[in-house]
């Protein structure tokens, strides 16, 4: 099920988790400090050959006559270097 921006509100996220659901949110530029911390986490993990992180990775390519979009997805449940991980 897709969620729009309302799905990012704390109360809605909490309800989804409380009812046993899971979801993934994309991190965008309006969360600059959090985005920088996540970038640093995966950059460090990559530099250390992912020692102790075990991320999953996938790529998606969308191509049409006017543009090419490449989306890279790194996923990990190891969030030890990030602050406020419950959020």
PDB file of N, CA and C in Angstrom:
ATOM      1  N   UNK A   1       0.836  -1.175   0.000  1.00  0.00           N
ATOM      2  CA  UNK A   1       0.000   0.000   0.000  1.00  0.00           C
ATOM      3  C   UNK A   1       0.886   1.245   0.000  1.00  0.00           C
ATOM      4  N   UNK A   2       0.635   2.149  -0.866  1.00  0.00           N
ATOM      5  CA  UNK A   2       1.409   3.384  -0.943  1.00  0.00           C
ATOM      6  C   UNK A   2       0.835   4.427   0.008  1.00  0.00           C
ATOM      7  N   UNK A   3       1.728   5.196   0.595  1.00  0.00           N
ATOM      8  CA  UNK A   3       1.326   6.280   1.485  1.00  0.00           C
ATOM      9  C   UNK A   3       1.821   7.591   0.907  1.00  0.00           C
ATOM     10  N   UNK A   4       1.054   8.638   1.104  1.00  0.00           N
ATOM     11  CA  UNK A   4       1.524   9.952   0.705  1.00  0.00           C
ATOM     12  C   UNK A   4       2.193  10.610   1.908  1.00  0.00           C
ATOM     13  N   UNK A   5       2.367  11.900   1.874  1.00  0.00           N
ATOM     14  CA  UNK A   5       3.061  12.617   2.950  1.00  0.00           C
ATOM     15  C   UNK A   5       2.386  12.417   4.309  1.00  0.00           C
ATOM     16  N   UNK A   6       1.074  12.196   4.329  1.00  0.00           N
ATOM     17  CA  UNK A   6       0.390  11.975   5.610  1.00  0.00           C
ATOM     18  C   UNK A   6       0.904  10.733   6.313  1.00  0.00           C
ATOM     19  N   UNK A   7       1.392   9.753   5.538  1.00  0.00           N
ATOM     20  CA  UNK A   7       1.916   8.529   6.115  1.00  0.00           C
ATOM     21  C   UNK A   7       3.209   8.724   6.875  1.00  0.00           C
ATOM     22  N   UNK A   8       3.799   9.897   6.744  1.00  0.00           N
ATOM     23  CA  UNK A   8       5.053  10.199   7.440  1.00  0.00           C
ATOM     24  C   UNK A   8       4.820  10.828   8.807  1.00  0.00           C
ATOM     25  N   UNK A   9       3.587  11.110   9.156  1.00  0.00           N
ATOM     26  CA  UNK A   9       3.289  11.717  10.445  1.00  0.00           C
ATOM     27  C   UNK A   9       3.511  10.688  11.549  1.00  0.00           C
ATOM     28  N   UNK A  10       4.020  11.171  12.679  1.00  0.00           N
ATOM     29  CA  UNK A  10       4.379  10.276  13.778  1.00  0.00           C
ATOM     30  C   UNK A  10       3.220   9.393  14.230  1.00  0.00           C
ATOM     31  N   UNK A  11       2.036   9.962  14.383  1.00  0.00           N
ATOM     32  CA  UNK A  11       0.891   9.189  14.871  1.00  0.00           C
ATOM     33  C   UNK A  11       0.522   8.064  13.910  1.00  0.00           C
ATOM     34  N   UNK A  12       0.581   8.328  12.622  1.00  0.00           N
ATOM     35  CA  UNK A  12       0.240   7.303  11.630  1.00  0.00           C
ATOM     36  C   UNK A  12       1.307   6.226  11.608  1.00  0.00           C
ATOM     37  N   UNK A  13       2.580   6.633  11.640  1.00  0.00           N
ATOM     38  CA  UNK A  13       3.674   5.660  11.672  1.00  0.00           C
ATOM     39  C   UNK A  13       3.567   4.769  12.910  1.00  0.00           C
ATOM     40  N   UNK A  14       3.264   5.375  14.047  1.00  0.00           N
ATOM     41  CA  UNK A  14       3.120   4.622  15.291  1.00  0.00           C
ATOM     42  C   UNK A  14       1.972   3.622  15.194  1.00  0.00           C
ATOM     43  N   UNK A  15       0.856   4.018  14.611  1.00  0.00           N
ATOM     44  CA  UNK A  15      -0.286   3.128  14.459  1.00  0.00           C
ATOM     45  C   UNK A  15       0.063   1.937  13.560  1.00  0.00           C
ATOM     46  N   UNK A  16       0.760   2.185  12.483  1.00  0.00           N
ATOM     47  CA  UNK A  16       1.155   1.100  11.572  1.00  0.00           C
ATOM     48  C   UNK A  16       2.013   0.090  12.319  1.00  0.00           C
ATOM     49  N   UNK A  17       3.014   0.573  13.061  1.00  0.00           N
ATOM     50  CA  UNK A  17       3.908  -0.317  13.800  1.00  0.00           C
ATOM     51  C   UNK A  17       3.153  -1.029  14.921  1.00  0.00           C
ATOM     52  N   UNK A  18       2.297  -0.319  15.656  1.00  0.00           N
ATOM     53  CA  UNK A  18       1.532  -0.918  16.753  1.00  0.00           C
ATOM     54  C   UNK A  18       0.629  -2.047  16.267  1.00  0.00           C
ATOM     55  N   UNK A  19       0.171  -1.955  15.023  1.00  0.00           N
ATOM     56  CA  UNK A  19      -0.708  -2.985  14.470  1.00  0.00           C
ATOM     57  C   UNK A  19       0.083  -4.074  13.748  1.00  0.00           C
ATOM     58  N   UNK A  20       1.419  -4.087  13.941  1.00  0.00           N
ATOM     59  CA  UNK A  20       2.246  -5.153  13.385  1.00  0.00           C
ATOM     60  C   UNK A  20       2.711  -4.918  11.960  1.00  0.00           C
ATOM     61  N   UNK A  21       2.474  -3.736  11.439  1.00  0.00           N
ATOM     62  CA  UNK A  21       2.887  -3.440  10.067  1.00  0.00           C
ATOM     63  C   UNK A  21       4.300  -2.889  10.002  1.00  0.00           C
ATOM     64  N   UNK A  22       4.827  -2.883   8.810  1.00  0.00           N
ATOM     65  CA  UNK A  22       6.138  -2.310   8.544  1.00  0.00           C
ATOM     66  C   UNK A  22       6.041  -1.465   7.285  1.00  0.00           C
ATOM     67  N   UNK A  23       6.890  -0.481   7.182  1.00  0.00           N
ATOM     68  CA  UNK A  23       6.943   0.297   5.965  1.00  0.00           C
ATOM     69  C   UNK A  23       8.294   0.978   5.852  1.00  0.00           C
ATOM     70  N   UNK A  24       8.607   1.427   4.675  1.00  0.00           N
ATOM     71  CA  UNK A  24       9.868   2.107   4.410  1.00  0.00           C
ATOM     72  C   UNK A  24       9.544   3.501   3.908  1.00  0.00           C
ATOM     73  N   UNK A  25      10.243   4.494   4.445  1.00  0.00           N
ATOM     74  CA  UNK A  25      10.078   5.859   3.992  1.00  0.00           C
ATOM     75  C   UNK A  25      11.335   6.294   3.257  1.00  0.00           C
ATOM     76  N   UNK A  26      11.148   6.982   2.168  1.00  0.00           N
ATOM     77  CA  UNK A  26      12.285   7.568   1.475  1.00  0.00           C
ATOM     78  C   UNK A  26      12.769   8.790   2.228  1.00  0.00           C
ATOM     79  N   UNK A  27      14.064   8.967   2.271  1.00  0.00           N
ATOM     80  CA  UNK A  27      14.653  10.097   2.965  1.00  0.00           C
ATOM     81  C   UNK A  27      14.981  11.171   1.938  1.00  0.00           C
ATOM     82  N   UNK A  28      14.448  12.351   2.134  1.00  0.00           N
ATOM     83  CA  UNK A  28      14.632  13.428   1.161  1.00  0.00           C
ATOM     84  C   UNK A  28      15.376  14.599   1.791  1.00  0.00           C
ATOM     85  N   UNK A  29      15.667  15.581   0.981  1.00  0.00           N
ATOM     86  CA  UNK A  29      16.464  16.719   1.406  1.00  0.00           C
ATOM     87  C   UNK A  29      15.883  17.542   2.530  1.00  0.00           C
ATOM     88  N   UNK A  30      14.588  17.471   2.773  1.00  0.00           N
ATOM     89  CA  UNK A  30      14.007  18.263   3.855  1.00  0.00           C
ATOM     90  C   UNK A  30      14.339  17.685   5.231  1.00  0.00           C
ATOM     91  N   UNK A  31      14.991  16.543   5.247  1.00  0.00           N
ATOM     92  CA  UNK A  31      15.495  15.934   6.482  1.00  0.00           C
ATOM     93  C   UNK A  31      17.025  15.921   6.397  1.00  0.00           C
ATOM     94  N   UNK A  32      17.620  17.098   6.167  1.00  0.00           N
ATOM     95  CA  UNK A  32      19.034  17.202   5.819  1.00  0.00           C
ATOM     96  C   UNK A  32      19.970  16.524   6.819  1.00  0.00           C
ATOM     97  N   UNK A  33      19.804  16.788   8.114  1.00  0.00           N
ATOM     98  CA  UNK A  33      20.714  16.212   9.107  1.00  0.00           C
ATOM     99  C   UNK A  33      20.579  14.695   9.168  1.00  0.00           C
ATOM    100  N   UNK A  34      19.363  14.212   9.102  1.00  0.00           N
ATOM    101  CA  UNK A  34      19.132  12.764   9.125  1.00  0.00           C
ATOM    102  C   UNK A  34      19.694  12.138   7.844  1.00  0.00           C
ATOM    103  N   UNK A  35      19.485  12.798   6.722  1.00  0.00           N
ATOM    104  CA  UNK A  35      19.990  12.278   5.451  1.00  0.00           C
ATOM    105  C   UNK A  35      21.522  12.223   5.462  1.00  0.00           C
ATOM    106  N   UNK A  36      22.170  13.246   5.998  1.00  0.00           N
ATOM    107  CA  UNK A  36      23.628  13.253   6.087  1.00  0.00           C
ATOM    108  C   UNK A  36      24.122  12.118   6.989  1.00  0.00           C
ATOM    109  N   UNK A  37      23.428  11.882   8.100  1.00  0.00           N
ATOM    110  CA  UNK A  37      23.829  10.804   9.009  1.00  0.00           C
ATOM    111  C   UNK A  37      23.695   9.440   8.339  1.00  0.00           C
ATOM    112  N   UNK A  38      22.623   9.247   7.594  1.00  0.00           N
ATOM    113  CA  UNK A  38      22.416   7.976   6.887  1.00  0.00           C
ATOM    114  C   UNK A  38      23.456   7.811   5.786  1.00  0.00           C
ATOM    115  N   UNK A  39      23.726   8.881   5.041  1.00  0.00           N
ATOM    116  CA  UNK A  39      24.774   8.825   4.011  1.00  0.00           C
ATOM    117  C   UNK A  39      26.113   8.452   4.633  1.00  0.00           C
ATOM    118  N   UNK A  40      26.460   9.090   5.763  1.00  0.00           N
ATOM    119  CA  UNK A  40      27.718   8.787   6.444  1.00  0.00           C
ATOM    120  C   UNK A  40      27.759   7.327   6.895  1.00  0.00           C
ATOM    121  N   UNK A  41      26.630   6.829   7.406  1.00  0.00           N
ATOM    122  CA  UNK A  41      26.548   5.442   7.861  1.00  0.00           C
ATOM    123  C   UNK A  41      26.890   4.476   6.728  1.00  0.00           C
ATOM    124  N   UNK A  42      26.226   4.634   5.576  1.00  0.00           N
ATOM    125  CA  UNK A  42      26.455   3.706   4.472  1.00  0.00           C
ATOM    126  C   UNK A  42      27.804   3.940   3.799  1.00  0.00           C
ATOM    127  N   UNK A  43      28.302   5.173   3.789  1.00  0.00           N
ATOM    128  CA  UNK A  43      29.641   5.429   3.254  1.00  0.00           C
ATOM    129  C   UNK A  43      30.685   4.720   4.109  1.00  0.00           C
ATOM    130  N   UNK A  44      30.544   4.830   5.412  1.00  0.00           N
ATOM    131  CA  UNK A  44      31.467   4.151   6.323  1.00  0.00           C
ATOM    132  C   UNK A  44      31.363   2.644   6.218  1.00  0.00           C
ATOM    133  N   UNK A  45      30.152   2.139   6.113  1.00  0.00           N
ATOM    134  CA  UNK A  45      29.949   0.693   5.986  1.00  0.00           C
ATOM    135  C   UNK A  45      30.564   0.173   4.697  1.00  0.00           C
ATOM    136  N   UNK A  46      30.409   0.937   3.622  1.00  0.00           N
ATOM    137  CA  UNK A  46      30.975   0.538   2.341  1.00  0.00           C
ATOM    138  C   UNK A  46      32.501   0.550   2.408  1.00  0.00           C
ATOM    139  N   UNK A  47      33.072   1.566   3.035  1.00  0.00           N
ATOM    140  CA  UNK A  47      34.527   1.662   3.153  1.00  0.00           C
ATOM    141  C   UNK A  47      35.098   0.499   3.953  1.00  0.00           C
ATOM    142  N   UNK A  48      34.319  -0.007   4.906  1.00  0.00           N
ATOM    143  CA  UNK A  48      34.761  -1.127   5.738  1.00  0.00           C
ATOM    144  C   UNK A  48      34.267  -2.459   5.187  1.00  0.00           C
ATOM    145  N   UNK A  49      33.889  -2.478   3.914  1.00  0.00           N
ATOM    146  CA  UNK A  49      33.341  -3.684   3.283  1.00  0.00           C
ATOM    147  C   UNK A  49      32.146  -4.238   4.043  1.00  0.00           C
ATOM    148  N   UNK A  50      31.353  -3.336   4.591  1.00  0.00           N
ATOM    149  CA  UNK A  50      30.099  -3.656   5.286  1.00  0.00           C
ATOM    150  C   UNK A  50      30.300  -4.561   6.496  1.00  0.00           C
ATOM    151  N   UNK A  51      31.457  -4.485   7.129  1.00  0.00           N
ATOM    152  CA  UNK A  51      31.726  -5.304   8.312  1.00  0.00           C
ATOM    153  C   UNK A  51      30.710  -4.996   9.403  1.00  0.00           C
ATOM    154  N   UNK A  52      29.951  -5.991   9.804  1.00  0.00           N
ATOM    155  CA  UNK A  52      28.977  -5.852  10.873  1.00  0.00           C
ATOM    156  C   UNK A  52      27.687  -5.158  10.487  1.00  0.00           C
ATOM    157  N   UNK A  53      27.507  -4.802   9.222  1.00  0.00           N
ATOM    158  CA  UNK A  53      26.303  -4.088   8.815  1.00  0.00           C
ATOM    159  C   UNK A  53      25.352  -4.984   8.040  1.00  0.00           C
ATOM    160  N   UNK A  54      25.845  -5.764   7.120  1.00  0.00           N
ATOM    161  CA  UNK A  54      25.051  -6.682   6.300  1.00  0.00           C
ATOM    162  C   UNK A  54      23.868  -6.000   5.613  1.00  0.00           C
ATOM    163  N   UNK A  55      24.119  -4.975   4.809  1.00  0.00           N
ATOM    164  CA  UNK A  55      22.987  -4.325   4.132  1.00  0.00           C
ATOM    165  C   UNK A  55      22.516  -5.123   2.927  1.00  0.00           C
ATOM    166  N   UNK A  56      21.262  -4.973   2.613  1.00  0.00           N
ATOM    167  CA  UNK A  56      20.732  -5.471   1.348  1.00  0.00           C
ATOM    168  C   UNK A  56      20.798  -4.304   0.377  1.00  0.00           C
ATOM    169  N   UNK A  57      20.942  -4.615  -0.888  1.00  0.00           N
ATOM    170  CA  UNK A  57      21.110  -3.583  -1.894  1.00  0.00           C
ATOM    171  C   UNK A  57      20.358  -3.984  -3.156  1.00  0.00           C
ATOM    172  N   UNK A  58      19.732  -3.022  -3.777  1.00  0.00           N
ATOM    173  CA  UNK A  58      19.118  -3.251  -5.076  1.00  0.00           C
ATOM    174  C   UNK A  58      19.139  -1.939  -5.857  1.00  0.00           C
ATOM    175  N   UNK A  59      19.044  -2.036  -7.151  1.00  0.00           N
ATOM    176  CA  UNK A  59      19.019  -0.855  -8.015  1.00  0.00           C
ATOM    177  C   UNK A  59      17.820  -0.970  -8.940  1.00  0.00           C
ATOM    178  N   UNK A  60      17.297   0.161  -9.323  1.00  0.00           N
ATOM    179  CA  UNK A  60      16.147   0.222 -10.219  1.00  0.00           C
ATOM    180  C   UNK A  60      16.434   1.272 -11.286  1.00  0.00           C
ATOM    181  N   UNK A  61      16.198   0.927 -12.514  1.00  0.00           N
ATOM    182  CA  UNK A  61      16.441   1.865 -13.618  1.00  0.00           C
ATOM    183  C   UNK A  61      15.135   2.098 -14.363  1.00  0.00           C
ATOM    184  N   UNK A  62      14.757   3.364 -14.490  1.00  0.00           N
ATOM    185  CA  UNK A  62      13.592   3.764 -15.282  1.00  0.00           C
ATOM    186  C   UNK A  62      14.108   4.587 -16.453  1.00  0.00           C
ATOM    187  N   UNK A  63      13.740   4.175 -17.631  1.00  0.00           N
ATOM    188  CA  UNK A  63      14.208   4.876 -18.819  1.00  0.00           C
ATOM    189  C   UNK A  63      13.007   5.184 -19.712  1.00  0.00           C
ATOM    190  N   UNK A  64      12.946   6.402 -20.164  1.00  0.00           N
ATOM    191  CA  UNK A  64      11.979   6.767 -21.188  1.00  0.00           C
ATOM    192  C   UNK A  64      12.707   7.689 -22.172  1.00  0.00           C
ATOM    193  N   UNK A  65      12.068   8.109 -23.243  1.00  0.00           N
ATOM    194  CA  UNK A  65      12.783   8.894 -24.252  1.00  0.00           C
ATOM    195  C   UNK A  65      13.403  10.200 -23.732  1.00  0.00           C
ATOM    196  N   UNK A  66      12.839  10.760 -22.657  1.00  0.00           N
ATOM    197  CA  UNK A  66      13.305  12.060 -22.182  1.00  0.00           C
ATOM    198  C   UNK A  66      14.222  12.022 -20.965  1.00  0.00           C
ATOM    199  N   UNK A  67      14.297  10.886 -20.292  1.00  0.00           N
ATOM    200  CA  UNK A  67      15.114  10.875 -19.075  1.00  0.00           C
ATOM    201  C   UNK A  67      15.506   9.463 -18.681  1.00  0.00           C
ATOM    202  N   UNK A  68      16.496   9.416 -17.829  1.00  0.00           N
ATOM    203  CA  UNK A  68      16.963   8.167 -17.243  1.00  0.00           C
ATOM    204  C   UNK A  68      17.014   8.386 -15.737  1.00  0.00           C
ATOM    205  N   UNK A  69      16.361   7.535 -14.984  1.00  0.00           N
ATOM    206  CA  UNK A  69      16.376   7.633 -13.524  1.00  0.00           C
ATOM    207  C   UNK A  69      16.963   6.346 -12.965  1.00  0.00           C
ATOM    208  N   UNK A  70      17.980   6.491 -12.147  1.00  0.00           N
ATOM    209  CA  UNK A  70      18.592   5.346 -11.480  1.00  0.00           C
ATOM    210  C   UNK A  70      18.366   5.524  -9.985  1.00  0.00           C
ATOM    211  N   UNK A  71      17.731   4.557  -9.372  1.00  0.00           N
ATOM    212  CA  UNK A  71      17.467   4.605  -7.933  1.00  0.00           C
ATOM    213  C   UNK A  71      18.242   3.466  -7.272  1.00  0.00           C
ATOM    214  N   UNK A  72      19.013   3.826  -6.251  1.00  0.00           N
ATOM    215  CA  UNK A  72      19.788   2.843  -5.506  1.00  0.00           C
ATOM    216  C   UNK A  72      19.188   2.707  -4.116  1.00  0.00           C
ATOM    217  N   UNK A  73      18.969   1.495  -3.690  1.00  0.00           N
ATOM    218  CA  UNK A  73      18.351   1.229  -2.386  1.00  0.00           C
ATOM    219  C   UNK A  73      19.315   0.415  -1.539  1.00  0.00           C
ATOM    220  N   UNK A  74      19.715   0.964  -0.401  1.00  0.00           N
ATOM    221  CA  UNK A  74      20.517   0.268   0.590  1.00  0.00           C
ATOM    222  C   UNK A  74      19.642   0.113   1.825  1.00  0.00           C
ATOM    223  N   UNK A  75      19.549  -1.084   2.342  1.00  0.00           N
ATOM    224  CA  UNK A  75      18.652  -1.357   3.462  1.00  0.00           C
ATOM    225  C   UNK A  75      19.431  -2.095   4.542  1.00  0.00           C
ATOM    226  N   UNK A  76      19.311  -1.624   5.780  1.00  0.00           N
ATOM    227  CA  UNK A  76      19.984  -2.275   6.899  1.00  0.00           C
ATOM    228  C   UNK A  76      19.159  -2.068   8.160  1.00  0.00           C
ATOM    229  N   UNK A  77      19.174  -3.064   9.009  1.00  0.00           N
ATOM    230  CA  UNK A  77      18.533  -2.928  10.313  1.00  0.00           C
ATOM    231  C   UNK A  77      19.556  -2.573  11.385  1.00  0.00           C
ATOM    232  N   UNK A  78      20.821  -2.501  11.012  1.00  0.00           N
ATOM    233  CA  UNK A  78      21.895  -2.134  11.921  1.00  0.00           C
ATOM    234  C   UNK A  78      22.036  -0.622  11.890  1.00  0.00           C
ATOM    235  N   UNK A  79      21.547   0.031  12.909  1.00  0.00           N
ATOM    236  CA  UNK A  79      21.529   1.488  12.928  1.00  0.00           C
ATOM    237  C   UNK A  79      22.361   2.046  14.082  1.00  0.00           C
ATOM    238  N   UNK A  80      23.383   1.317  14.475  1.00  0.00           N
ATOM    239  CA  UNK A  80      24.126   1.637  15.699  1.00  0.00           C
ATOM    240  C   UNK A  80      24.772   3.007  15.707  1.00  0.00           C
ATOM    241  N   UNK A  81      25.120   3.572  14.562  1.00  0.00           N
ATOM    242  CA  UNK A  81      25.787   4.872  14.564  1.00  0.00           C
ATOM    243  C   UNK A  81      24.818   6.041  14.390  1.00  0.00           C
ATOM    244  N   UNK A  82      23.554   5.745  14.210  1.00  0.00           N
ATOM    245  CA  UNK A  82      22.563   6.808  13.999  1.00  0.00           C
ATOM    246  C   UNK A  82      21.912   7.176  15.323  1.00  0.00           C
ATOM    247  N   UNK A  83      21.640   8.460  15.494  1.00  0.00           N
ATOM    248  CA  UNK A  83      20.943   8.893  16.691  1.00  0.00           C
ATOM    249  C   UNK A  83      19.431   8.854  16.463  1.00  0.00           C
ATOM    250  N   UNK A  84      18.692   8.766  17.538  1.00  0.00           N
ATOM    251  CA  UNK A  84      17.232   8.842  17.492  1.00  0.00           C
ATOM    252  C   UNK A  84      16.635   7.811  16.532  1.00  0.00           C
ATOM    253  N   UNK A  85      17.103   6.560  16.613  1.00  0.00           N
ATOM    254  CA  UNK A  85      16.651   5.534  15.669  1.00  0.00           C
ATOM    255  C   UNK A  85      15.196   5.139  15.863  1.00  0.00           C
ATOM    256  N   UNK A  86      14.647   5.375  17.029  1.00  0.00           N
ATOM    257  CA  UNK A  86      13.227   5.050  17.227  1.00  0.00           C
ATOM    258  C   UNK A  86      12.336   5.926  16.382  1.00  0.00           C
ATOM    259  N   UNK A  87      12.781   7.123  16.078  1.00  0.00           N
ATOM    260  CA  UNK A  87      12.029   8.031  15.235  1.00  0.00           C
ATOM    261  C   UNK A  87      12.040   7.539  13.821  1.00  0.00           C
TER     262      UNK A  87
END
